[in-house]
PDB file of N, CA and C in Angstrom:
ATOM      1  N   LEU A   1      39.734  28.929 -33.657  1.00  0.00           N
ATOM      2  CA  LEU A   1      40.587  28.437 -34.633  1.00  0.00           C
ATOM      3  C   LEU A   1      40.581  28.764 -36.060  1.00  0.00           C
ATOM      4  N   ASP A   2      39.325  28.660 -36.582  1.00  0.00           N
ATOM      5  CA  ASP A   2      38.952  29.300 -37.995  1.00  0.00           C
ATOM      6  C   ASP A   2      39.308  30.696 -38.035  1.00  0.00           C
ATOM      7  N   LYS A   3      39.252  31.589 -37.032  1.00  0.00           N
ATOM      8  CA  LYS A   3      39.303  32.812 -37.494  1.00  0.00           C
ATOM      9  C   LYS A   3      40.779  33.140 -37.451  1.00  0.00           C
ATOM     10  N   LEU A   4      41.680  32.246 -36.658  1.00  0.00           N
ATOM     11  CA  LEU A   4      43.053  32.526 -36.707  1.00  0.00           C
ATOM     12  C   LEU A   4      43.733  31.968 -38.159  1.00  0.00           C
ATOM     13  N   ARG A   5      42.892  31.050 -38.570  1.00  0.00           N
ATOM     14  CA  ARG A   5      43.257  30.571 -40.126  1.00  0.00           C
ATOM     15  C   ARG A   5      43.431  31.771 -40.986  1.00  0.00           C
ATOM     16  N   THR A   6      42.495  32.693 -40.878  1.00  0.00           N
ATOM     17  CA  THR A   6      42.384  33.701 -41.822  1.00  0.00           C
ATOM     18  C   THR A   6      43.587  34.687 -41.710  1.00  0.00           C
ATOM     19  N   ILE A   7      44.448  34.599 -40.565  1.00  0.00           N
ATOM     20  CA  ILE A   7      45.575  35.416 -40.599  1.00  0.00           C
ATOM     21  C   ILE A   7      46.774  34.721 -40.567  1.00  0.00           C
ATOM     22  N   MET A   8      46.606  33.414 -40.240  1.00  0.00           N
ATOM     23  CA  MET A   8      47.870  32.442 -40.183  1.00  0.00           C
ATOM     24  C   MET A   8      48.114  31.436 -41.548  1.00  0.00           C
ATOM     25  N   GLY A   9      46.871  31.335 -42.082  1.00  0.00           N
ATOM     26  CA  GLY A   9      46.988  30.381 -43.247  1.00  0.00           C
ATOM     27  C   GLY A   9      46.845  28.853 -42.962  1.00  0.00           C
ATOM     28  N   SER A  10      47.067  28.130 -43.898  1.00  0.00           N
ATOM     29  CA  SER A  10      47.023  26.535 -43.631  1.00  0.00           C
ATOM     30  C   SER A  10      48.168  25.875 -43.194  1.00  0.00           C
ATOM     31  N   PRO A  11      48.068  24.793 -42.737  1.00  0.00           N
ATOM     32  CA  PRO A  11      47.017  24.068 -42.110  1.00  0.00           C
ATOM     33  C   PRO A  11      46.199  25.029 -40.930  1.00  0.00           C
ATOM     34  N   THR A  12      45.100  24.476 -40.381  1.00  0.00           N
ATOM     35  CA  THR A  12      44.748  25.030 -39.472  1.00  0.00           C
ATOM     36  C   THR A  12      45.502  25.281 -38.112  1.00  0.00           C
ATOM     37  N   PRO A  13      45.582  26.514 -37.776  1.00  0.00           N
ATOM     38  CA  PRO A  13      46.566  26.619 -36.481  1.00  0.00           C
ATOM     39  C   PRO A  13      46.069  25.826 -35.154  1.00  0.00           C
ATOM     40  N   GLN A  14      47.116  25.419 -34.439  1.00  0.00           N
ATOM     41  CA  GLN A  14      46.789  24.419 -33.351  1.00  0.00           C
ATOM     42  C   GLN A  14      47.370  25.172 -32.174  1.00  0.00           C
ATOM     43  N   LEU A  15      46.642  25.018 -30.912  1.00  0.00           N
ATOM     44  CA  LEU A  15      47.350  25.426 -29.891  1.00  0.00           C
ATOM     45  C   LEU A  15      48.472  24.559 -29.443  1.00  0.00           C
ATOM     46  N   ARG A  16      49.638  25.189 -29.298  1.00  0.00           N
ATOM     47  CA  ARG A  16      50.796  24.405 -28.988  1.00  0.00           C
ATOM     48  C   ARG A  16      51.318  24.403 -27.611  1.00  0.00           C
ATOM     49  N   THR A  17      51.008  25.308 -27.007  1.00  0.00           N
ATOM     50  CA  THR A  17      51.453  25.301 -25.684  1.00  0.00           C
ATOM     51  C   THR A  17      50.595  26.366 -24.914  1.00  0.00           C
ATOM     52  N   HIS A  18      50.229  26.305 -23.672  1.00  0.00           N
ATOM     53  CA  HIS A  18      49.663  27.390 -22.711  1.00  0.00           C
ATOM     54  C   HIS A  18      50.020  26.880 -21.389  1.00  0.00           C
ATOM     55  N   SER A  19      50.135  27.945 -20.591  1.00  0.00           N
ATOM     56  CA  SER A  19      50.337  27.908 -19.037  1.00  0.00           C
ATOM     57  C   SER A  19      49.922  29.124 -18.405  1.00  0.00           C
ATOM     58  N   ILE A  20      50.119  28.979 -17.056  1.00  0.00           N
ATOM     59  CA  ILE A  20      49.903  30.408 -16.092  1.00  0.00           C
ATOM     60  C   ILE A  20      51.407  30.641 -15.919  1.00  0.00           C
ATOM     61  N   VAL A  21      51.922  31.616 -16.104  1.00  0.00           N
ATOM     62  CA  VAL A  21      53.178  32.112 -15.969  1.00  0.00           C
ATOM     63  C   VAL A  21      53.243  33.205 -14.857  1.00  0.00           C
ATOM     64  N   PHE A  22      54.355  32.807 -13.870  1.00  0.00           N
ATOM     65  CA  PHE A  22      54.325  33.221 -12.538  1.00  0.00           C
ATOM     66  C   PHE A  22      55.903  33.941 -12.451  1.00  0.00           C
ATOM     67  N   ALA A  23      55.706  35.580 -12.306  1.00  0.00           N
ATOM     68  CA  ALA A  23      56.961  36.320 -12.111  1.00  0.00           C
ATOM     69  C   ALA A  23      57.122  36.780 -10.774  1.00  0.00           C
ATOM     70  N   PRO A  24      57.725  36.053  -9.999  1.00  0.00           N
ATOM     71  CA  PRO A  24      57.610  36.354  -8.452  1.00  0.00           C
ATOM     72  C   PRO A  24      58.439  37.550  -8.277  1.00  0.00           C
ATOM     73  N   VAL A  25      58.149  38.106  -6.951  1.00  0.00           N
ATOM     74  CA  VAL A  25      58.923  39.441  -6.646  1.00  0.00           C
ATOM     75  C   VAL A  25      60.390  38.974  -6.666  1.00  0.00           C
ATOM     76  N   GLY A  26      61.313  39.694  -7.149  1.00  0.00           N
ATOM     77  CA  GLY A  26      62.641  39.735  -7.080  1.00  0.00           C
ATOM     78  C   GLY A  26      63.293  39.006  -8.567  1.00  0.00           C
ATOM     79  N   SER A  27      62.273  38.118  -9.154  1.00  0.00           N
ATOM     80  CA  SER A  27      62.717  37.665 -10.226  1.00  0.00           C
ATOM     81  C   SER A  27      63.435  38.571 -11.272  1.00  0.00           C
ATOM     82  N   LYS A  28      64.458  38.043 -11.872  1.00  0.00           N
ATOM     83  CA  LYS A  28      65.422  38.719 -12.922  1.00  0.00           C
ATOM     84  C   LYS A  28      64.561  38.733 -14.190  1.00  0.00           C
ATOM     85  N   ALA A  29      65.225  39.751 -15.021  1.00  0.00           N
ATOM     86  CA  ALA A  29      64.473  40.030 -16.708  1.00  0.00           C
ATOM     87  C   ALA A  29      64.964  38.561 -17.252  1.00  0.00           C
ATOM     88  N   GLN A  30      64.014  38.442 -18.193  1.00  0.00           N
ATOM     89  CA  GLN A  30      64.533  37.425 -19.289  1.00  0.00           C
ATOM     90  C   GLN A  30      65.466  37.925 -20.217  1.00  0.00           C
ATOM     91  N   ASN A  31      66.143  37.008 -21.046  1.00  0.00           N
ATOM     92  CA  ASN A  31      67.033  37.537 -22.075  1.00  0.00           C
ATOM     93  C   ASN A  31      65.997  37.641 -23.402  1.00  0.00           C
ATOM     94  N   TRP A  32      66.251  38.560 -24.189  1.00  0.00           N
ATOM     95  CA  TRP A  32      65.561  38.874 -25.273  1.00  0.00           C
ATOM     96  C   TRP A  32      65.296  37.545 -26.170  1.00  0.00           C
ATOM     97  N   HIS A  33      64.357  37.442 -26.532  1.00  0.00           N
ATOM     98  CA  HIS A  33      64.073  36.087 -27.342  1.00  0.00           C
ATOM     99  C   HIS A  33      62.819  35.971 -28.405  1.00  0.00           C
ATOM    100  N   VAL A  34      62.677  34.929 -29.441  1.00  0.00           N
ATOM    101  CA  VAL A  34      61.201  35.108 -30.111  1.00  0.00           C
ATOM    102  C   VAL A  34      60.695  33.822 -29.794  1.00  0.00           C
ATOM    103  N   ASP A  35      59.632  33.659 -30.218  1.00  0.00           N
ATOM    104  CA  ASP A  35      58.870  32.444 -30.093  1.00  0.00           C
ATOM    105  C   ASP A  35      58.899  31.238 -31.116  1.00  0.00           C
ATOM    106  N   ASP A  36      59.284  31.798 -32.506  1.00  0.00           N
ATOM    107  CA  ASP A  36      59.410  30.974 -33.423  1.00  0.00           C
ATOM    108  C   ASP A  36      60.674  29.992 -33.345  1.00  0.00           C
ATOM    109  N   ALA A  37      60.649  29.096 -34.102  1.00  0.00           N
ATOM    110  CA  ALA A  37      61.734  27.951 -33.873  1.00  0.00           C
ATOM    111  C   ALA A  37      63.126  28.734 -34.656  1.00  0.00           C
ATOM    112  N   PHE A  38      64.486  28.152 -34.050  1.00  0.00           N
ATOM    113  CA  PHE A  38      65.697  28.345 -34.462  1.00  0.00           C
ATOM    114  C   PHE A  38      65.917  27.322 -35.234  1.00  0.00           C
ATOM    115  N   ASP A  39      66.886  27.506 -36.469  1.00  0.00           N
ATOM    116  CA  ASP A  39      67.395  26.381 -37.009  1.00  0.00           C
ATOM    117  C   ASP A  39      68.731  26.868 -37.493  1.00  0.00           C
ATOM    118  N   ASN A  40      69.925  26.395 -36.754  1.00  0.00           N
ATOM    119  CA  ASN A  40      71.154  26.728 -36.988  1.00  0.00           C
ATOM    120  C   ASN A  40      71.210  28.311 -36.855  1.00  0.00           C
ATOM    121  N   SER A  41      70.916  28.812 -35.716  1.00  0.00           N
ATOM    122  CA  SER A  41      70.992  30.055 -35.407  1.00  0.00           C
ATOM    123  C   SER A  41      70.304  30.986 -36.320  1.00  0.00           C
ATOM    124  N   ARG A  42      69.449  30.897 -37.125  1.00  0.00           N
ATOM    125  CA  ARG A  42      68.718  31.628 -38.006  1.00  0.00           C
ATOM    126  C   ARG A  42      67.104  31.432 -37.596  1.00  0.00           C
ATOM    127  N   ILE A  43      66.500  32.422 -37.732  1.00  0.00           N
ATOM    128  CA  ILE A  43      64.872  32.124 -37.420  1.00  0.00           C
ATOM    129  C   ILE A  43      64.333  31.521 -38.536  1.00  0.00           C
ATOM    130  N   VAL A  44      63.499  30.442 -38.416  1.00  0.00           N
ATOM    131  CA  VAL A  44      62.657  29.623 -39.258  1.00  0.00           C
ATOM    132  C   VAL A  44      61.248  30.376 -38.845  1.00  0.00           C
ATOM    133  N   THR A  45      60.586  30.927 -39.657  1.00  0.00           N
ATOM    134  CA  THR A  45      59.141  31.157 -39.442  1.00  0.00           C
ATOM    135  C   THR A  45      58.372  30.098 -39.434  1.00  0.00           C
ATOM    136  N   HIS A  46      57.554  29.871 -38.443  1.00  0.00           N
ATOM    137  CA  HIS A  46      56.629  28.816 -38.507  1.00  0.00           C
ATOM    138  C   HIS A  46      55.139  29.675 -38.259  1.00  0.00           C
ATOM    139  N   ARG A  47      55.002  30.702 -38.727  1.00  0.00           N
ATOM    140  CA  ARG A  47      53.566  31.245 -38.377  1.00  0.00           C
ATOM    141  C   ARG A  47      53.099  31.076 -36.811  1.00  0.00           C
ATOM    142  N   TYR A  48      53.948  31.429 -35.992  1.00  0.00           N
ATOM    143  CA  TYR A  48      53.521  31.249 -34.617  1.00  0.00           C
ATOM    144  C   TYR A  48      53.017  32.579 -34.051  1.00  0.00           C
ATOM    145  N   PHE A  49      51.786  32.503 -33.400  1.00  0.00           N
ATOM    146  CA  PHE A  49      51.326  33.668 -32.697  1.00  0.00           C
ATOM    147  C   PHE A  49      51.219  33.505 -31.189  1.00  0.00           C
ATOM    148  N   THR A  50      51.566  34.266 -30.204  1.00  0.00           N
ATOM    149  CA  THR A  50      51.513  34.240 -28.762  1.00  0.00           C
ATOM    150  C   THR A  50      50.276  35.197 -28.235  1.00  0.00           C
ATOM    151  N   ILE A  51      49.724  34.975 -27.191  1.00  0.00           N
ATOM    152  CA  ILE A  51      48.721  35.636 -26.629  1.00  0.00           C
ATOM    153  C   ILE A  51      49.326  35.692 -25.279  1.00  0.00           C
ATOM    154  N   LEU A  52      49.268  36.768 -24.579  1.00  0.00           N
ATOM    155  CA  LEU A  52      49.427  36.684 -23.137  1.00  0.00           C
ATOM    156  C   LEU A  52      48.434  37.553 -22.616  1.00  0.00           C
ATOM    157  N   VAL A  53      47.850  37.302 -21.434  1.00  0.00           N
ATOM    158  CA  VAL A  53      46.620  37.680 -20.772  1.00  0.00           C
ATOM    159  C   VAL A  53      46.971  38.010 -19.437  1.00  0.00           C
ATOM    160  N   HIS A  54      46.789  39.137 -19.025  1.00  0.00           N
ATOM    161  CA  HIS A  54      47.419  39.722 -17.628  1.00  0.00           C
ATOM    162  C   HIS A  54      46.184  39.312 -16.776  1.00  0.00           C
ATOM    163  N   LEU A  55      46.565  38.664 -15.746  1.00  0.00           N
ATOM    164  CA  LEU A  55      45.715  38.320 -14.370  1.00  0.00           C
ATOM    165  C   LEU A  55      45.564  38.871 -13.316  1.00  0.00           C
ATOM    166  N   ASN A  56      46.542  39.648 -12.860  1.00  0.00           N
ATOM    167  CA  ASN A  56      46.333  40.618 -11.753  1.00  0.00           C
ATOM    168  C   ASN A  56      46.746  42.046 -11.722  1.00  0.00           C
ATOM    169  N   PRO A  57      46.478  42.823 -11.014  1.00  0.00           N
ATOM    170  CA  PRO A  57      46.989  44.085 -11.107  1.00  0.00           C
ATOM    171  C   PRO A  57      48.327  44.191 -10.497  1.00  0.00           C
ATOM    172  N   ILE A  58      48.994  45.041 -11.324  1.00  0.00           N
ATOM    173  CA  ILE A  58      50.559  45.393 -10.873  1.00  0.00           C
ATOM    174  C   ILE A  58      50.904  46.779 -10.871  1.00  0.00           C
ATOM    175  N   ASP A  59      52.052  47.137 -10.061  1.00  0.00           N
ATOM    176  CA  ASP A  59      52.552  48.303 -10.180  1.00  0.00           C
ATOM    177  C   ASP A  59      53.595  48.797 -11.016  1.00  0.00           C
ATOM    178  N   SER A  60      54.148  49.937 -11.106  1.00  0.00           N
ATOM    179  CA  SER A  60      55.272  50.029 -11.925  1.00  0.00           C
ATOM    180  C   SER A  60      56.458  49.363 -11.832  1.00  0.00           C
ATOM    181  N   PHE A  61      56.474  48.820 -10.625  1.00  0.00           N
ATOM    182  CA  PHE A  61      57.955  48.349 -10.257  1.00  0.00           C
ATOM    183  C   PHE A  61      57.852  46.698 -10.775  1.00  0.00           C
ATOM    184  N   CYS A  62      56.608  46.129 -10.822  1.00  0.00           N
ATOM    185  CA  CYS A  62      56.578  44.819 -11.289  1.00  0.00           C
ATOM    186  C   CYS A  62      57.028  44.131 -12.310  1.00  0.00           C
ATOM    187  N   GLY A  63      57.356  45.184 -13.301  1.00  0.00           N
ATOM    188  CA  GLY A  63      57.931  44.850 -14.455  1.00  0.00           C
ATOM    189  C   GLY A  63      56.750  44.784 -15.475  1.00  0.00           C
ATOM    190  N   GLY A  64      56.853  43.816 -16.468  1.00  0.00           N
ATOM    191  CA  GLY A  64      55.886  43.581 -17.580  1.00  0.00           C
ATOM    192  C   GLY A  64      56.550  43.011 -18.713  1.00  0.00           C
ATOM    193  N   THR A  65      56.072  42.931 -19.941  1.00  0.00           N
ATOM    194  CA  THR A  65      56.617  42.517 -21.114  1.00  0.00           C
ATOM    195  C   THR A  65      57.284  43.548 -22.070  1.00  0.00           C
ATOM    196  N   GLU A  66      58.382  43.621 -22.319  1.00  0.00           N
ATOM    197  CA  GLU A  66      59.084  44.203 -23.248  1.00  0.00           C
ATOM    198  C   GLU A  66      59.052  44.009 -24.511  1.00  0.00           C
ATOM    199  N   ILE A  67      58.723  44.713 -25.455  1.00  0.00           N
ATOM    200  CA  ILE A  67      58.883  44.379 -26.890  1.00  0.00           C
ATOM    201  C   ILE A  67      60.107  45.282 -27.417  1.00  0.00           C
ATOM    202  N   TRP A  68      60.597  44.628 -28.467  1.00  0.00           N
ATOM    203  CA  TRP A  68      61.781  45.352 -29.033  1.00  0.00           C
ATOM    204  C   TRP A  68      61.234  46.169 -30.551  1.00  0.00           C
ATOM    205  N   SER A  69      61.466  47.421 -30.520  1.00  0.00           N
ATOM    206  CA  SER A  69      61.031  48.334 -31.680  1.00  0.00           C
ATOM    207  C   SER A  69      62.226  48.332 -32.476  1.00  0.00           C
ATOM    208  N   ASN A  70      62.163  48.037 -33.790  1.00  0.00           N
ATOM    209  CA  ASN A  70      63.271  48.294 -34.716  1.00  0.00           C
ATOM    210  C   ASN A  70      63.436  49.582 -35.047  1.00  0.00           C
ATOM    211  N   SER A  71      62.280  50.302 -35.220  1.00  0.00           N
ATOM    212  CA  SER A  71      62.199  51.642 -35.722  1.00  0.00           C
ATOM    213  C   SER A  71      62.715  52.534 -35.010  1.00  0.00           C
ATOM    214  N   LEU A  72      62.606  52.413 -33.603  1.00  0.00           N
ATOM    215  CA  LEU A  72      63.032  53.154 -32.464  1.00  0.00           C
ATOM    216  C   LEU A  72      64.305  52.806 -31.894  1.00  0.00           C
ATOM    217  N   ASN A  73      65.090  51.553 -32.256  1.00  0.00           N
ATOM    218  CA  ASN A  73      65.810  51.105 -31.730  1.00  0.00           C
ATOM    219  C   ASN A  73      65.818  50.985 -30.295  1.00  0.00           C
ATOM    220  N   ARG A  74      64.974  50.680 -29.753  1.00  0.00           N
ATOM    221  CA  ARG A  74      64.562  50.490 -28.172  1.00  0.00           C
ATOM    222  C   ARG A  74      63.676  49.442 -27.700  1.00  0.00           C
ATOM    223  N   GLY A  75      63.650  49.102 -26.495  1.00  0.00           N
ATOM    224  CA  GLY A  75      62.478  48.298 -26.005  1.00  0.00           C
ATOM    225  C   GLY A  75      61.335  49.207 -25.413  1.00  0.00           C
ATOM    226  N   ASP A  76      59.817  48.609 -25.696  1.00  0.00           N
ATOM    227  CA  ASP A  76      58.930  49.432 -25.272  1.00  0.00           C
ATOM    228  C   ASP A  76      58.103  48.377 -24.134  1.00  0.00           C
ATOM    229  N   MET A  77      57.694  49.130 -22.931  1.00  0.00           N
ATOM    230  CA  MET A  77      57.395  48.069 -21.936  1.00  0.00           C
ATOM    231  C   MET A  77      56.009  48.056 -22.279  1.00  0.00           C
ATOM    232  N   ILE A  78      55.184  46.989 -21.939  1.00  0.00           N
ATOM    233  CA  ILE A  78      53.684  46.679 -22.077  1.00  0.00           C
ATOM    234  C   ILE A  78      53.587  46.300 -20.767  1.00  0.00           C
ATOM    235  N   ARG A  79      52.664  46.957 -19.953  1.00  0.00           N
ATOM    236  CA  ARG A  79      51.886  46.857 -18.655  1.00  0.00           C
ATOM    237  C   ARG A  79      50.397  46.577 -18.920  1.00  0.00           C
ATOM    238  N   GLY A  80      49.767  45.467 -18.492  1.00  0.00           N
ATOM    239  CA  GLY A  80      48.469  45.592 -18.662  1.00  0.00           C
ATOM    240  C   GLY A  80      47.651  45.346 -17.447  1.00  0.00           C
ATOM    241  N   ARG A  81      46.247  45.600 -17.437  1.00  0.00           N
ATOM    242  CA  ARG A  81      45.317  45.411 -16.491  1.00  0.00           C
ATOM    243  C   ARG A  81      44.959  44.153 -16.420  1.00  0.00           C
ATOM    244  N   PRO A  82      44.320  43.598 -15.344  1.00  0.00           N
ATOM    245  CA  PRO A  82      43.750  42.315 -15.401  1.00  0.00           C
ATOM    246  C   PRO A  82      42.801  42.091 -16.684  1.00  0.00           C
ATOM    247  N   GLY A  83      42.972  41.164 -17.586  1.00  0.00           N
ATOM    248  CA  GLY A  83      41.971  40.770 -18.525  1.00  0.00           C
ATOM    249  C   GLY A  83      42.629  41.544 -19.862  1.00  0.00           C
ATOM    250  N   ASP A  84      43.585  42.345 -19.736  1.00  0.00           N
ATOM    251  CA  ASP A  84      44.029  42.939 -21.011  1.00  0.00           C
ATOM    252  C   ASP A  84      45.046  41.813 -21.780  1.00  0.00           C
ATOM    253  N   ALA A  85      44.903  41.775 -23.009  1.00  0.00           N
ATOM    254  CA  ALA A  85      45.755  40.791 -23.791  1.00  0.00           C
ATOM    255  C   ALA A  85      46.502  41.450 -24.673  1.00  0.00           C
ATOM    256  N   LEU A  86      47.673  40.871 -24.921  1.00  0.00           N
ATOM    257  CA  LEU A  86      48.666  41.306 -25.886  1.00  0.00           C
ATOM    258  C   LEU A  86      48.958  39.931 -26.862  1.00  0.00           C
ATOM    259  N   VAL A  87      48.744  40.302 -28.090  1.00  0.00           N
ATOM    260  CA  VAL A  87      48.820  39.241 -29.209  1.00  0.00           C
ATOM    261  C   VAL A  87      50.106  39.539 -30.038  1.00  0.00           C
ATOM    262  N   PHE A  88      50.711  38.758 -30.565  1.00  0.00           N
ATOM    263  CA  PHE A  88      51.971  39.213 -31.138  1.00  0.00           C
ATOM    264  C   PHE A  88      52.473  37.914 -32.087  1.00  0.00           C
ATOM    265  N   ASN A  89      53.204  38.294 -33.173  1.00  0.00           N
ATOM    266  CA  ASN A  89      53.707  37.155 -33.962  1.00  0.00           C
ATOM    267  C   ASN A  89      54.901  36.740 -33.366  1.00  0.00           C
ATOM    268  N   GLY A  90      55.248  35.314 -33.673  1.00  0.00           N
ATOM    269  CA  GLY A  90      56.269  34.660 -32.976  1.00  0.00           C
ATOM    270  C   GLY A  90      57.679  35.230 -33.424  1.00  0.00           C
ATOM    271  N   SER A  91      57.683  36.012 -34.070  1.00  0.00           N
ATOM    272  CA  SER A  91      59.058  36.480 -34.794  1.00  0.00           C
ATOM    273  C   SER A  91      59.413  37.892 -34.124  1.00  0.00           C
ATOM    274  N   MET A  92      58.278  38.365 -33.150  1.00  0.00           N
ATOM    275  CA  MET A  92      58.749  39.753 -32.605  1.00  0.00           C
ATOM    276  C   MET A  92      59.843  39.440 -31.473  1.00  0.00           C
ATOM    277  N   LEU A  93      60.614  40.228 -31.153  1.00  0.00           N
ATOM    278  CA  LEU A  93      61.694  40.224 -30.154  1.00  0.00           C
ATOM    279  C   LEU A  93      60.963  40.741 -28.854  1.00  0.00           C
ATOM    280  N   HIS A  94      61.046  39.987 -27.932  1.00  0.00           N
ATOM    281  CA  HIS A  94      60.419  40.496 -26.393  1.00  0.00           C
ATOM    282  C   HIS A  94      61.170  39.736 -25.368  1.00  0.00           C
ATOM    283  N   ARG A  95      60.744  40.172 -24.028  1.00  0.00           N
ATOM    284  CA  ARG A  95      61.385  39.596 -22.857  1.00  0.00           C
ATOM    285  C   ARG A  95      60.434  39.960 -21.814  1.00  0.00           C
ATOM    286  N   GLY A  96      60.602  39.055 -20.814  1.00  0.00           N
ATOM    287  CA  GLY A  96      59.662  39.663 -19.374  1.00  0.00           C
ATOM    288  C   GLY A  96      60.803  40.207 -18.885  1.00  0.00           C
ATOM    289  N   GLN A  97      60.178  41.431 -18.221  1.00  0.00           N
ATOM    290  CA  GLN A  97      61.272  42.196 -17.376  1.00  0.00           C
ATOM    291  C   GLN A  97      61.131  41.762 -15.824  1.00  0.00           C
ATOM    292  N   GLY A  98      62.306  41.879 -15.080  1.00  0.00           N
ATOM    293  CA  GLY A  98      62.105  41.556 -13.720  1.00  0.00           C
ATOM    294  C   GLY A  98      61.157  42.300 -12.878  1.00  0.00           C
ATOM    295  N   ASN A  99      60.974  41.508 -11.735  1.00  0.00           N
ATOM    296  CA  ASN A  99      59.908  42.012 -11.077  1.00  0.00           C
ATOM    297  C   ASN A  99      60.794  42.552  -9.653  1.00  0.00           C
ATOM    298  N   ASP A 100      60.550  44.029  -9.597  1.00  0.00           N
ATOM    299  CA  ASP A 100      61.035  44.517  -8.419  1.00  0.00           C
ATOM    300  C   ASP A 100      59.883  45.012  -7.457  1.00  0.00           C
ATOM    301  N   GLY A 101      58.724  44.697  -7.767  1.00  0.00           N
ATOM    302  CA  GLY A 101      57.539  45.076  -6.933  1.00  0.00           C
ATOM    303  C   GLY A 101      57.253  44.502  -5.669  1.00  0.00           C
ATOM    304  N   ARG A 102      56.045  44.862  -5.217  1.00  0.00           N
ATOM    305  CA  ARG A 102      55.651  44.316  -3.994  1.00  0.00           C
ATOM    306  C   ARG A 102      54.753  43.061  -4.218  1.00  0.00           C
ATOM    307  N   CYS A 103      54.152  42.774  -5.245  1.00  0.00           N
ATOM    308  CA  CYS A 103      53.285  41.595  -5.824  1.00  0.00           C
ATOM    309  C   CYS A 103      53.935  40.866  -6.802  1.00  0.00           C
ATOM    310  N   HIS A 104      53.541  39.712  -6.657  1.00  0.00           N
ATOM    311  CA  HIS A 104      53.946  38.691  -7.997  1.00  0.00           C
ATOM    312  C   HIS A 104      53.180  39.144  -9.174  1.00  0.00           C
ATOM    313  N   ARG A 105      53.608  38.865 -10.395  1.00  0.00           N
ATOM    314  CA  ARG A 105      53.155  38.884 -11.761  1.00  0.00           C
ATOM    315  C   ARG A 105      52.559  37.613 -12.489  1.00  0.00           C
ATOM    316  N   PHE A 106      51.351  37.741 -12.855  1.00  0.00           N
ATOM    317  CA  PHE A 106      50.625  36.479 -13.219  1.00  0.00           C
ATOM    318  C   PHE A 106      50.129  36.812 -14.626  1.00  0.00           C
ATOM    319  N   PHE A 107      50.287  35.942 -15.671  1.00  0.00           N
ATOM    320  CA  PHE A 107      49.726  36.010 -17.002  1.00  0.00           C
ATOM    321  C   PHE A 107      49.332  34.553 -17.309  1.00  0.00           C
ATOM    322  N   TYR A 108      48.544  34.457 -18.087  1.00  0.00           N
ATOM    323  CA  TYR A 108      48.144  33.222 -19.190  1.00  0.00           C
ATOM    324  C   TYR A 108      48.826  33.450 -20.534  1.00  0.00           C
ATOM    325  N   TYR A 109      49.704  32.280 -20.741  1.00  0.00           N
ATOM    326  CA  TYR A 109      50.161  32.520 -21.876  1.00  0.00           C
ATOM    327  C   TYR A 109      49.932  31.186 -23.069  1.00  0.00           C
ATOM    328  N   ALA A 110      49.566  31.597 -24.267  1.00  0.00           N
ATOM    329  CA  ALA A 110      49.123  30.523 -25.113  1.00  0.00           C
ATOM    330  C   ALA A 110      49.843  30.948 -26.609  1.00  0.00           C
ATOM    331  N   SER A 111      50.386  29.885 -27.258  1.00  0.00           N
ATOM    332  CA  SER A 111      50.772  29.949 -28.645  1.00  0.00           C
ATOM    333  C   SER A 111      50.419  28.964 -29.420  1.00  0.00           C
ATOM    334  N   PHE A 112      50.243  29.510 -30.718  1.00  0.00           N
ATOM    335  CA  PHE A 112      49.491  28.933 -31.877  1.00  0.00           C
ATOM    336  C   PHE A 112      50.532  28.883 -33.055  1.00  0.00           C
ATOM    337  N   SER A 113      50.467  27.720 -33.649  1.00  0.00           N
ATOM    338  CA  SER A 113      51.203  27.544 -34.785  1.00  0.00           C
ATOM    339  C   SER A 113      50.727  26.500 -35.832  1.00  0.00           C
ATOM    340  N   CYS A 114      50.946  26.744 -37.123  1.00  0.00           N
ATOM    341  CA  CYS A 114      50.716  26.072 -38.184  1.00  0.00           C
ATOM    342  C   CYS A 114      51.521  24.801 -38.492  1.00  0.00           C
ATOM    343  N   LYS A 115      52.656  24.588 -37.773  1.00  0.00           N
ATOM    344  CA  LYS A 115      53.794  23.844 -37.985  1.00  0.00           C
ATOM    345  C   LYS A 115      54.205  23.153 -36.590  1.00  0.00           C
ATOM    346  N   ALA A 116      54.635  22.092 -36.722  1.00  0.00           N
ATOM    347  CA  ALA A 116      55.402  21.436 -35.491  1.00  0.00           C
ATOM    348  C   ALA A 116      56.776  22.290 -35.401  1.00  0.00           C
ATOM    349  N   ASP A 117      57.390  22.089 -34.059  1.00  0.00           N
ATOM    350  CA  ASP A 117      58.634  22.715 -33.889  1.00  0.00           C
ATOM    351  C   ASP A 117      59.093  21.914 -32.594  1.00  0.00           C
ATOM    352  N   GLU A 118      60.364  22.504 -32.230  1.00  0.00           N
ATOM    353  CA  GLU A 118      60.847  21.756 -31.047  1.00  0.00           C
ATOM    354  C   GLU A 118      60.074  22.044 -29.639  1.00  0.00           C
ATOM    355  N   ASN A 119      59.132  23.012 -29.748  1.00  0.00           N
ATOM    356  CA  ASN A 119      58.336  23.457 -28.879  1.00  0.00           C
ATOM    357  C   ASN A 119      57.010  22.552 -28.642  1.00  0.00           C
ATOM    358  N   THR A 120      56.722  21.947 -29.532  1.00  0.00           N
ATOM    359  CA  THR A 120      55.278  21.535 -29.840  1.00  0.00           C
ATOM    360  C   THR A 120      55.785  19.973 -30.433  1.00  0.00           C
ATOM    361  N   SER A 121      54.299  19.277 -30.256  1.00  0.00           N
ATOM    362  CA  SER A 121      54.379  17.836 -30.856  1.00  0.00           C
ATOM    363  C   SER A 121      54.325  17.955 -32.505  1.00  0.00           C
ATOM    364  N   GLN A 122      54.318  16.966 -33.026  1.00  0.00           N
ATOM    365  CA  GLN A 122      53.965  16.997 -34.615  1.00  0.00           C
ATOM    366  C   GLN A 122      52.447  17.125 -34.884  1.00  0.00           C
ATOM    367  N   ILE A 123      52.290  17.708 -35.998  1.00  0.00           N
ATOM    368  CA  ILE A 123      50.605  18.005 -36.381  1.00  0.00           C
ATOM    369  C   ILE A 123      50.394  16.933 -37.267  1.00  0.00           C
TER     370      ILE A 123
END
């Protein structure tokens, strides 16, 4: 966590939520979203960072995580191999793709923040 402080600042970042995420065969795509908190429909930056670690091999039909590129005005697909990690700022627009493949998609998800929000307990 001390290394995260060099990026995120003070107070020391805390693990806010973590879980194994399961995207079963046949699941639909998520809506586009950010992981930082919202306040009256505007983003309130809480220095949130998210880490996704891919846990199993998947084929091109199993989906993945799509991140929005403002410069290209389109989504870019991220598909990892087991052990690959994607780390991104909580204000990055992203979504989980639907799974039309033959195997379920699993990944570990962890979020860190420096402030409490509706997704976390008080610091």
